[in-house]
Amino acid sequence: MNQPMHRHPQFRIFRTVVAHARTGPNDLLLGVLLAFVAGATNAGGFLAIGQYTSHMSGIISSVADNLALGLFALVGAGLVMLLSFTAGAGSSAILINWGRRNARRKQYAYPIALEAVLLLNFGAIGSVISHIPQAGVWVAALLCFIMGLQNATITKISGARIRTTHMTGMVTDIGIELGKLVYRLFDRQSIQPPVQPDMRKLKILLRVVGMFLLGGLVGALGFKHLGYGFCMPLAALLLALASPQLFFANNRRGKIA
């Protein structure tokens, strides 16, 4: 008797990576995949609209600069993007907490699926209105919403151990662990307990940052050759991750956290 497709061993990765029961390997796998998507979307988005949307530091700084220069239209655009990123993060929290009460096994699949749908919308909308200069800020706002949604999702899933849309904190942590490693090499004569770098953490960080870089390369090349159509394979990847939980997982009631 044939097994249902979603029970085949080759589909196990898709059945577990967005599962409600989390493990370290699952978190890492989801983190690197989302970092790839974020890097591709960020780089492709820059080629599309001339604006990076994955991190808010530069946008907040530009709001301050433009406010000082009296460029209030640019201030408004920056605030729209900032609020959109915040709204995306808030939407992730709403979906996950609703899922924990009403469809526990699907709680993490909801924001991942929503991100896929929004990426498809970005591709469709961008290809239609890309020739309208005034529309750029709204396309950027949509990308910011997507980035906020994704970053909040992986933050909640991993207990704030992994971020995927901006690499500043991850690269800082890489530097800290490398500094510990170098210090240990030159501190062999000390009678104090040796400084211990967290090699497991370092490997995780390097994988996430490496996948963000790879995603950026793929996104830039994808937009160069496919235009807004580069969103389709990214959305397909996200849907492949979310679909097993959405369509095959049984609902179980859980409590909000």
C-alpha atoms as a PDB file:
ATOM      1  CA  MET A   1       0.000   0.000   0.000  1.00  0.00           C
ATOM      2  CA  ASN A   2       1.425   3.349  -1.009  1.00  0.00           C
ATOM      3  CA  GLN A   3       2.186   5.879   1.708  1.00  0.00           C
ATOM      4  CA  PRO A   4       0.877   9.433   1.423  1.00  0.00           C
ATOM      5  CA  MET A   5       3.455  11.680  -0.197  1.00  0.00           C
ATOM      6  CA  HIS A   6       3.989  13.785   2.927  1.00  0.00           C
ATOM      7  CA  ARG A   7       4.983  10.616   4.864  1.00  0.00           C
ATOM      8  CA  HIS A   8       7.817   9.642   2.554  1.00  0.00           C
ATOM      9  CA  PRO A   9      11.305   9.929   4.144  1.00  0.00           C
ATOM     10  CA  GLN A  10      12.481  12.447   1.550  1.00  0.00           C
ATOM     11  CA  PHE A  11       9.807  14.859   2.742  1.00  0.00           C
ATOM     12  CA  ARG A  12      10.861  14.654   6.390  1.00  0.00           C
ATOM     13  CA  ILE A  13      12.915  17.837   6.129  1.00  0.00           C
ATOM     14  CA  PHE A  14       9.823  19.771   5.030  1.00  0.00           C
ATOM     15  CA  ARG A  15       7.665  18.199   7.740  1.00  0.00           C
ATOM     16  CA  THR A  16      10.000  19.142  10.579  1.00  0.00           C
ATOM     17  CA  VAL A  17      11.702  22.418   9.731  1.00  0.00           C
ATOM     18  CA  VAL A  18       8.635  24.534  10.609  1.00  0.00           C
ATOM     19  CA  ALA A  19       7.206  22.095  13.162  1.00  0.00           C
ATOM     20  CA  HIS A  20       5.935  23.417  16.491  1.00  0.00           C
ATOM     21  CA  ALA A  21       8.280  21.072  18.402  1.00  0.00           C
ATOM     22  CA  ARG A  22      11.700  22.662  18.029  1.00  0.00           C
ATOM     23  CA  THR A  23      15.206  21.220  18.127  1.00  0.00           C
ATOM     24  CA  GLY A  24      18.599  22.844  17.661  1.00  0.00           C
ATOM     25  CA  PRO A  25      19.150  21.325  14.185  1.00  0.00           C
ATOM     26  CA  ASN A  26      15.657  22.406  13.083  1.00  0.00           C
ATOM     27  CA  ASP A  27      16.286  25.952  14.249  1.00  0.00           C
ATOM     28  CA  LEU A  28      19.620  26.067  12.431  1.00  0.00           C
ATOM     29  CA  LEU A  29      18.188  24.668   9.201  1.00  0.00           C
ATOM     30  CA  LEU A  30      15.297  27.119   9.233  1.00  0.00           C
ATOM     31  CA  GLY A  31      17.689  29.942  10.143  1.00  0.00           C
ATOM     32  CA  VAL A  32      20.033  29.339   7.217  1.00  0.00           C
ATOM     33  CA  LEU A  33      17.147  28.936   4.761  1.00  0.00           C
ATOM     34  CA  LEU A  34      15.498  32.160   5.928  1.00  0.00           C
ATOM     35  CA  ALA A  35      18.867  33.943   5.867  1.00  0.00           C
ATOM     36  CA  PHE A  36      19.228  32.866   2.231  1.00  0.00           C
ATOM     37  CA  VAL A  37      15.758  34.222   1.409  1.00  0.00           C
ATOM     38  CA  ALA A  38      16.434  37.458   3.286  1.00  0.00           C
ATOM     39  CA  GLY A  39      19.773  37.991   1.561  1.00  0.00           C
ATOM     40  CA  ALA A  40      18.245  37.340  -1.860  1.00  0.00           C
ATOM     41  CA  THR A  41      15.270  39.619  -1.184  1.00  0.00           C
ATOM     42  CA  ASN A  42      17.451  42.390   0.227  1.00  0.00           C
ATOM     43  CA  ALA A  43      19.909  42.366  -2.673  1.00  0.00           C
ATOM     44  CA  GLY A  44      17.249  41.936  -5.334  1.00  0.00           C
ATOM     45  CA  GLY A  45      15.155  44.645  -3.699  1.00  0.00           C
ATOM     46  CA  PHE A  46      18.081  47.045  -3.813  1.00  0.00           C
ATOM     47  CA  LEU A  47      18.479  46.515  -7.551  1.00  0.00           C
ATOM     48  CA  ALA A  48      14.723  46.941  -7.946  1.00  0.00           C
ATOM     49  CA  ILE A  49      14.129  50.088  -5.876  1.00  0.00           C
ATOM     50  CA  GLY A  50      17.583  51.303  -4.822  1.00  0.00           C
ATOM     51  CA  GLN A  51      16.933  50.712  -1.126  1.00  0.00           C
ATOM     52  CA  TYR A  52      18.058  48.049   1.332  1.00  0.00           C
ATOM     53  CA  THR A  53      15.127  47.015   3.507  1.00  0.00           C
ATOM     54  CA  SER A  54      16.412  44.286   5.804  1.00  0.00           C
ATOM     55  CA  HIS A  55      17.785  46.467   8.611  1.00  0.00           C
ATOM     56  CA  MET A  56      16.440  49.563  10.278  1.00  0.00           C
ATOM     57  CA  SER A  57      19.676  51.194  11.469  1.00  0.00           C
ATOM     58  CA  GLY A  58      20.334  52.912   8.164  1.00  0.00           C
ATOM     59  CA  ILE A  59      16.696  53.889   7.715  1.00  0.00           C
ATOM     60  CA  ILE A  60      16.485  55.454  11.183  1.00  0.00           C
ATOM     61  CA  SER A  61      19.750  57.315  10.552  1.00  0.00           C
ATOM     62  CA  SER A  62      18.436  58.576   7.216  1.00  0.00           C
ATOM     63  CA  VAL A  63      15.283  59.829   8.948  1.00  0.00           C
ATOM     64  CA  ALA A  64      17.440  61.820  11.358  1.00  0.00           C
ATOM     65  CA  ASP A  65      19.662  63.184   8.563  1.00  0.00           C
ATOM     66  CA  ASN A  66      16.748  64.185   6.362  1.00  0.00           C
ATOM     67  CA  LEU A  67      14.958  65.765   9.294  1.00  0.00           C
ATOM     68  CA  ALA A  68      18.011  67.901   9.988  1.00  0.00           C
ATOM     69  CA  LEU A  69      18.232  68.858   6.310  1.00  0.00           C
ATOM     70  CA  GLY A  70      14.542  69.707   6.105  1.00  0.00           C
ATOM     71  CA  LEU A  71      13.819  67.005   3.520  1.00  0.00           C
ATOM     72  CA  PHE A  72      10.452  66.136   4.985  1.00  0.00           C
ATOM     73  CA  ALA A  73       9.246  64.009   2.070  1.00  0.00           C
ATOM     74  CA  LEU A  74      12.212  61.684   2.636  1.00  0.00           C
ATOM     75  CA  VAL A  75      11.539  61.738   6.369  1.00  0.00           C
ATOM     76  CA  GLY A  76       8.003  60.558   5.684  1.00  0.00           C
ATOM     77  CA  ALA A  77       9.244  57.790   3.392  1.00  0.00           C
ATOM     78  CA  GLY A  78      11.659  56.594   6.057  1.00  0.00           C
ATOM     79  CA  LEU A  79       8.963  56.579   8.713  1.00  0.00           C
ATOM     80  CA  VAL A  80       6.659  54.576   6.446  1.00  0.00           C
ATOM     81  CA  MET A  81       9.379  51.935   6.021  1.00  0.00           C
ATOM     82  CA  LEU A  82      10.138  51.886   9.746  1.00  0.00           C
ATOM     83  CA  LEU A  83       6.485  51.468  10.659  1.00  0.00           C
ATOM     84  CA  SER A  84       6.087  48.762   8.017  1.00  0.00           C
ATOM     85  CA  PHE A  85       8.964  46.733   9.449  1.00  0.00           C
ATOM     86  CA  THR A  86       7.448  47.106  12.924  1.00  0.00           C
ATOM     87  CA  ALA A  87       4.014  46.083  11.644  1.00  0.00           C
ATOM     88  CA  GLY A  88       5.529  42.998  10.019  1.00  0.00           C
ATOM     89  CA  ALA A  89       7.149  41.968  13.300  1.00  0.00           C
ATOM     90  CA  GLY A  90       3.901  42.568  15.136  1.00  0.00           C
ATOM     91  CA  SER A  91       1.977  40.502  12.601  1.00  0.00           C
ATOM     92  CA  SER A  92       4.318  37.581  13.198  1.00  0.00           C
ATOM     93  CA  ALA A  93       3.661  37.734  16.933  1.00  0.00           C
ATOM     94  CA  ILE A  94      -0.105  37.855  16.359  1.00  0.00           C
ATOM     95  CA  LEU A  95      -0.079  34.872  13.983  1.00  0.00           C
ATOM     96  CA  ILE A  96       2.184  32.731  16.171  1.00  0.00           C
ATOM     97  CA  ASN A  97       0.289  33.424  19.379  1.00  0.00           C
ATOM     98  CA  TRP A  98      -3.061  32.850  17.676  1.00  0.00           C
ATOM     99  CA  GLY A  99      -1.691  29.591  16.321  1.00  0.00           C
ATOM    100  CA  ARG A 100      -0.570  28.459  19.774  1.00  0.00           C
ATOM    101  CA  ARG A 101      -4.155  28.728  20.979  1.00  0.00           C
ATOM    102  CA  ASN A 102      -6.044  27.507  17.938  1.00  0.00           C
ATOM    103  CA  ALA A 103      -3.735  25.426  15.730  1.00  0.00           C
ATOM    104  CA  ARG A 104      -0.597  24.695  17.696  1.00  0.00           C
ATOM    105  CA  ARG A 105       1.143  22.555  15.110  1.00  0.00           C
ATOM    106  CA  LYS A 106       0.718  25.272  12.477  1.00  0.00           C
ATOM    107  CA  GLN A 107       1.801  28.262  14.550  1.00  0.00           C
ATOM    108  CA  TYR A 108       5.118  28.827  12.741  1.00  0.00           C
ATOM    109  CA  ALA A 109       3.786  27.868   9.323  1.00  0.00           C
ATOM    110  CA  TYR A 110       1.385  30.829   9.264  1.00  0.00           C
ATOM    111  CA  PRO A 111       3.992  33.637   9.125  1.00  0.00           C
ATOM    112  CA  ILE A 112       6.222  31.653   6.750  1.00  0.00           C
ATOM    113  CA  ALA A 113       3.291  31.137   4.369  1.00  0.00           C
ATOM    114  CA  LEU A 114       2.296  34.804   4.663  1.00  0.00           C
ATOM    115  CA  GLU A 115       5.852  35.820   3.757  1.00  0.00           C
ATOM    116  CA  ALA A 116       5.659  33.649   0.639  1.00  0.00           C
ATOM    117  CA  VAL A 117       2.366  35.252  -0.431  1.00  0.00           C
ATOM    118  CA  LEU A 118       3.753  38.747   0.161  1.00  0.00           C
ATOM    119  CA  LEU A 119       6.873  37.975  -1.866  1.00  0.00           C
ATOM    120  CA  LEU A 120       4.664  36.930  -4.760  1.00  0.00           C
ATOM    121  CA  ASN A 121       2.739  40.172  -4.351  1.00  0.00           C
ATOM    122  CA  PHE A 122       5.978  42.147  -4.354  1.00  0.00           C
ATOM    123  CA  GLY A 123       6.945  40.519  -7.644  1.00  0.00           C
ATOM    124  CA  ALA A 124       3.531  41.160  -9.193  1.00  0.00           C
ATOM    125  CA  ILE A 125       3.140  44.733  -7.933  1.00  0.00           C
ATOM    126  CA  GLY A 126       6.726  45.715  -8.661  1.00  0.00           C
ATOM    127  CA  SER A 127       6.562  44.549 -12.259  1.00  0.00           C
ATOM    128  CA  VAL A 128       3.443  46.666 -12.823  1.00  0.00           C
ATOM    129  CA  ILE A 129       4.313  49.925 -11.033  1.00  0.00           C
ATOM    130  CA  SER A 130       8.120  49.919 -11.228  1.00  0.00           C
ATOM    131  CA  HIS A 131       7.975  52.718 -13.816  1.00  0.00           C
ATOM    132  CA  ILE A 132       6.136  55.026 -11.382  1.00  0.00           C
ATOM    133  CA  PRO A 133       8.717  56.898  -9.253  1.00  0.00           C
ATOM    134  CA  GLN A 134       6.240  57.750  -6.482  1.00  0.00           C
ATOM    135  CA  ALA A 135       5.405  54.074  -5.998  1.00  0.00           C
ATOM    136  CA  GLY A 136       8.928  53.214  -4.858  1.00  0.00           C
ATOM    137  CA  VAL A 137       8.287  54.010  -1.217  1.00  0.00           C
ATOM    138  CA  TRP A 138       5.265  51.697  -1.060  1.00  0.00           C
ATOM    139  CA  VAL A 139       7.165  48.852  -2.692  1.00  0.00           C
ATOM    140  CA  ALA A 140       9.955  49.454  -0.168  1.00  0.00           C
ATOM    141  CA  ALA A 141       7.384  49.458   2.630  1.00  0.00           C
ATOM    142  CA  LEU A 142       6.116  46.057   1.487  1.00  0.00           C
ATOM    143  CA  LEU A 143       9.653  44.663   1.564  1.00  0.00           C
ATOM    144  CA  CYS A 144      10.196  46.140   5.033  1.00  0.00           C
ATOM    145  CA  PHE A 145       6.997  44.457   6.231  1.00  0.00           C
ATOM    146  CA  ILE A 146       8.256  41.138   4.839  1.00  0.00           C
ATOM    147  CA  MET A 147      11.614  41.563   6.570  1.00  0.00           C
ATOM    148  CA  GLY A 148      10.031  42.461   9.893  1.00  0.00           C
ATOM    149  CA  LEU A 149       7.710  39.474   9.602  1.00  0.00           C
ATOM    150  CA  GLN A 150      10.569  37.077   8.915  1.00  0.00           C
ATOM    151  CA  ASN A 151      12.955  38.425  11.536  1.00  0.00           C
ATOM    152  CA  ALA A 152      10.335  38.288  14.287  1.00  0.00           C
ATOM    153  CA  THR A 153       9.381  34.745  13.271  1.00  0.00           C
ATOM    154  CA  ILE A 154      12.894  33.294  13.521  1.00  0.00           C
ATOM    155  CA  THR A 155      13.497  35.341  16.679  1.00  0.00           C
ATOM    156  CA  LYS A 156      10.495  33.731  18.388  1.00  0.00           C
ATOM    157  CA  ILE A 157      11.271  30.272  17.029  1.00  0.00           C
ATOM    158  CA  SER A 158      14.932  30.291  18.113  1.00  0.00           C
ATOM    159  CA  GLY A 159      14.466  32.163  21.396  1.00  0.00           C
ATOM    160  CA  ALA A 160      16.335  35.200  19.973  1.00  0.00           C
ATOM    161  CA  ARG A 161      19.454  33.107  19.217  1.00  0.00           C
ATOM    162  CA  ILE A 162      19.230  33.552  15.429  1.00  0.00           C
ATOM    163  CA  ARG A 163      18.491  36.619  13.311  1.00  0.00           C
ATOM    164  CA  THR A 164      18.185  36.415   9.553  1.00  0.00           C
ATOM    165  CA  THR A 165      17.472  39.812   8.019  1.00  0.00           C
ATOM    166  CA  HIS A 166      20.427  41.804   9.376  1.00  0.00           C
ATOM    167  CA  MET A 167      23.910  40.521  10.095  1.00  0.00           C
ATOM    168  CA  THR A 168      25.416  43.202  12.374  1.00  0.00           C
ATOM    169  CA  GLY A 169      24.785  41.301  15.585  1.00  0.00           C
ATOM    170  CA  MET A 170      25.775  37.985  14.012  1.00  0.00           C
ATOM    171  CA  VAL A 171      29.062  39.388  12.679  1.00  0.00           C
ATOM    172  CA  THR A 172      29.736  41.006  16.061  1.00  0.00           C
ATOM    173  CA  ASP A 173      29.304  37.633  17.755  1.00  0.00           C
ATOM    174  CA  ILE A 174      31.621  36.041  15.183  1.00  0.00           C
ATOM    175  CA  GLY A 175      34.240  38.639  16.049  1.00  0.00           C
ATOM    176  CA  ILE A 176      33.840  37.933  19.776  1.00  0.00           C
ATOM    177  CA  GLU A 177      34.277  34.185  19.353  1.00  0.00           C
ATOM    178  CA  LEU A 178      37.259  34.645  17.011  1.00  0.00           C
ATOM    179  CA  GLY A 179      38.782  37.044  19.550  1.00  0.00           C
ATOM    180  CA  LYS A 180      38.428  34.400  22.263  1.00  0.00           C
ATOM    181  CA  LEU A 181      40.059  31.850  19.964  1.00  0.00           C
ATOM    182  CA  VAL A 182      43.018  34.103  19.175  1.00  0.00           C
ATOM    183  CA  TYR A 183      43.420  35.094  22.843  1.00  0.00           C
ATOM    184  CA  ARG A 184      43.528  31.447  23.861  1.00  0.00           C
ATOM    185  CA  LEU A 185      46.303  30.743  21.342  1.00  0.00           C
ATOM    186  CA  PHE A 186      48.519  33.475  22.841  1.00  0.00           C
ATOM    187  CA  ASP A 187      47.668  32.852  26.485  1.00  0.00           C
ATOM    188  CA  ARG A 188      49.079  29.379  26.978  1.00  0.00           C
ATOM    189  CA  GLN A 189      51.318  30.342  29.925  1.00  0.00           C
ATOM    190  CA  SER A 190      48.565  31.812  32.085  1.00  0.00           C
ATOM    191  CA  ILE A 191      47.681  30.043  35.330  1.00  0.00           C
ATOM    192  CA  GLN A 192      44.099  31.311  34.992  1.00  0.00           C
ATOM    193  CA  PRO A 193      41.427  29.035  33.456  1.00  0.00           C
ATOM    194  CA  PRO A 194      41.707  29.258  29.655  1.00  0.00           C
ATOM    195  CA  VAL A 195      39.315  31.415  27.672  1.00  0.00           C
ATOM    196  CA  GLN A 196      36.894  29.078  25.942  1.00  0.00           C
ATOM    197  CA  PRO A 197      35.493  30.095  22.540  1.00  0.00           C
ATOM    198  CA  ASP A 198      32.067  28.668  21.777  1.00  0.00           C
ATOM    199  CA  MET A 199      32.920  26.753  18.622  1.00  0.00           C
ATOM    200  CA  ARG A 200      29.385  25.434  18.181  1.00  0.00           C
ATOM    201  CA  LYS A 201      27.995  28.965  18.272  1.00  0.00           C
ATOM    202  CA  LEU A 202      30.716  30.148  15.885  1.00  0.00           C
ATOM    203  CA  LYS A 203      29.835  27.451  13.348  1.00  0.00           C
ATOM    204  CA  ILE A 204      26.152  28.389  13.516  1.00  0.00           C
ATOM    205  CA  LEU A 205      26.914  32.083  13.040  1.00  0.00           C
ATOM    206  CA  LEU A 206      29.225  31.438  10.090  1.00  0.00           C
ATOM    207  CA  ARG A 207      26.581  29.307   8.383  1.00  0.00           C
ATOM    208  CA  VAL A 208      23.862  31.916   8.788  1.00  0.00           C
ATOM    209  CA  VAL A 209      26.059  34.786   7.583  1.00  0.00           C
ATOM    210  CA  GLY A 210      27.386  32.653   4.728  1.00  0.00           C
ATOM    211  CA  MET A 211      23.847  31.834   3.581  1.00  0.00           C
ATOM    212  CA  PHE A 212      22.843  35.500   3.748  1.00  0.00           C
ATOM    213  CA  LEU A 213      25.834  36.283   1.501  1.00  0.00           C
ATOM    214  CA  LEU A 214      24.971  33.458  -0.881  1.00  0.00           C
ATOM    215  CA  GLY A 215      21.355  34.607  -0.943  1.00  0.00           C
ATOM    216  CA  GLY A 216      22.470  38.130  -1.767  1.00  0.00           C
ATOM    217  CA  LEU A 217      24.504  36.861  -4.707  1.00  0.00           C
ATOM    218  CA  VAL A 218      21.636  34.714  -5.982  1.00  0.00           C
ATOM    219  CA  GLY A 219      19.126  37.541  -5.495  1.00  0.00           C
ATOM    220  CA  ALA A 220      21.272  40.063  -7.352  1.00  0.00           C
ATOM    221  CA  LEU A 221      21.859  37.684 -10.252  1.00  0.00           C
ATOM    222  CA  GLY A 222      18.228  36.585 -10.207  1.00  0.00           C
ATOM    223  CA  PHE A 223      16.872  40.108 -10.436  1.00  0.00           C
ATOM    224  CA  LYS A 224      19.441  40.999 -13.078  1.00  0.00           C
ATOM    225  CA  HIS A 225      18.283  38.162 -15.334  1.00  0.00           C
ATOM    226  CA  LEU A 226      14.663  37.566 -14.271  1.00  0.00           C
ATOM    227  CA  GLY A 227      13.547  40.926 -12.919  1.00  0.00           C
ATOM    228  CA  TYR A 228      10.706  40.728 -10.427  1.00  0.00           C
ATOM    229  CA  GLY A 229      10.181  37.105 -11.408  1.00  0.00           C
ATOM    230  CA  PHE A 230      13.067  36.205  -9.099  1.00  0.00           C
ATOM    231  CA  CYS A 231      10.509  36.313  -6.257  1.00  0.00           C
ATOM    232  CA  MET A 232       8.785  33.162  -7.498  1.00  0.00           C
ATOM    233  CA  PRO A 233      11.463  30.591  -6.536  1.00  0.00           C
ATOM    234  CA  LEU A 234      11.946  32.304  -3.165  1.00  0.00           C
ATOM    235  CA  ALA A 235       8.220  32.144  -2.468  1.00  0.00           C
ATOM    236  CA  ALA A 236       8.146  28.517  -3.631  1.00  0.00           C
ATOM    237  CA  LEU A 237      10.859  27.617  -1.114  1.00  0.00           C
ATOM    238  CA  LEU A 238       8.909  29.220   1.724  1.00  0.00           C
ATOM    239  CA  LEU A 239       5.687  27.504   0.683  1.00  0.00           C
ATOM    240  CA  ALA A 240       7.511  24.171   0.535  1.00  0.00           C
ATOM    241  CA  LEU A 241       8.562  24.693   4.149  1.00  0.00           C
ATOM    242  CA  ALA A 242       5.150  25.806   5.405  1.00  0.00           C
ATOM    243  CA  SER A 243       2.797  23.547   3.407  1.00  0.00           C
ATOM    244  CA  PRO A 244       3.324  20.256   5.317  1.00  0.00           C
ATOM    245  CA  GLN A 245       2.341  21.905   8.589  1.00  0.00           C
ATOM    246  CA  LEU A 246      -0.542  23.827   7.036  1.00  0.00           C
ATOM    247  CA  PHE A 247      -2.114  20.905   5.195  1.00  0.00           C
ATOM    248  CA  PHE A 248      -1.024  17.745   7.001  1.00  0.00           C
ATOM    249  CA  ALA A 249      -0.500  18.618  10.675  1.00  0.00           C
ATOM    250  CA  ASN A 250      -3.306  17.915  13.099  1.00  0.00           C
ATOM    251  CA  ASN A 251      -4.602  20.818  15.157  1.00  0.00           C
ATOM    252  CA  ARG A 252      -3.893  20.680  18.845  1.00  0.00           C
ATOM    253  CA  ARG A 253      -4.741  23.375  21.286  1.00  0.00           C
ATOM    254  CA  GLY A 254      -1.810  25.010  23.015  1.00  0.00           C
ATOM    255  CA  LYS A 255      -1.365  27.852  25.380  1.00  0.00           C
ATOM    256  CA  ILE A 256      -0.178  31.311  24.502  1.00  0.00           C
ATOM    257  CA  ALA A 257       3.373  32.384  25.297  1.00  0.00           C
END
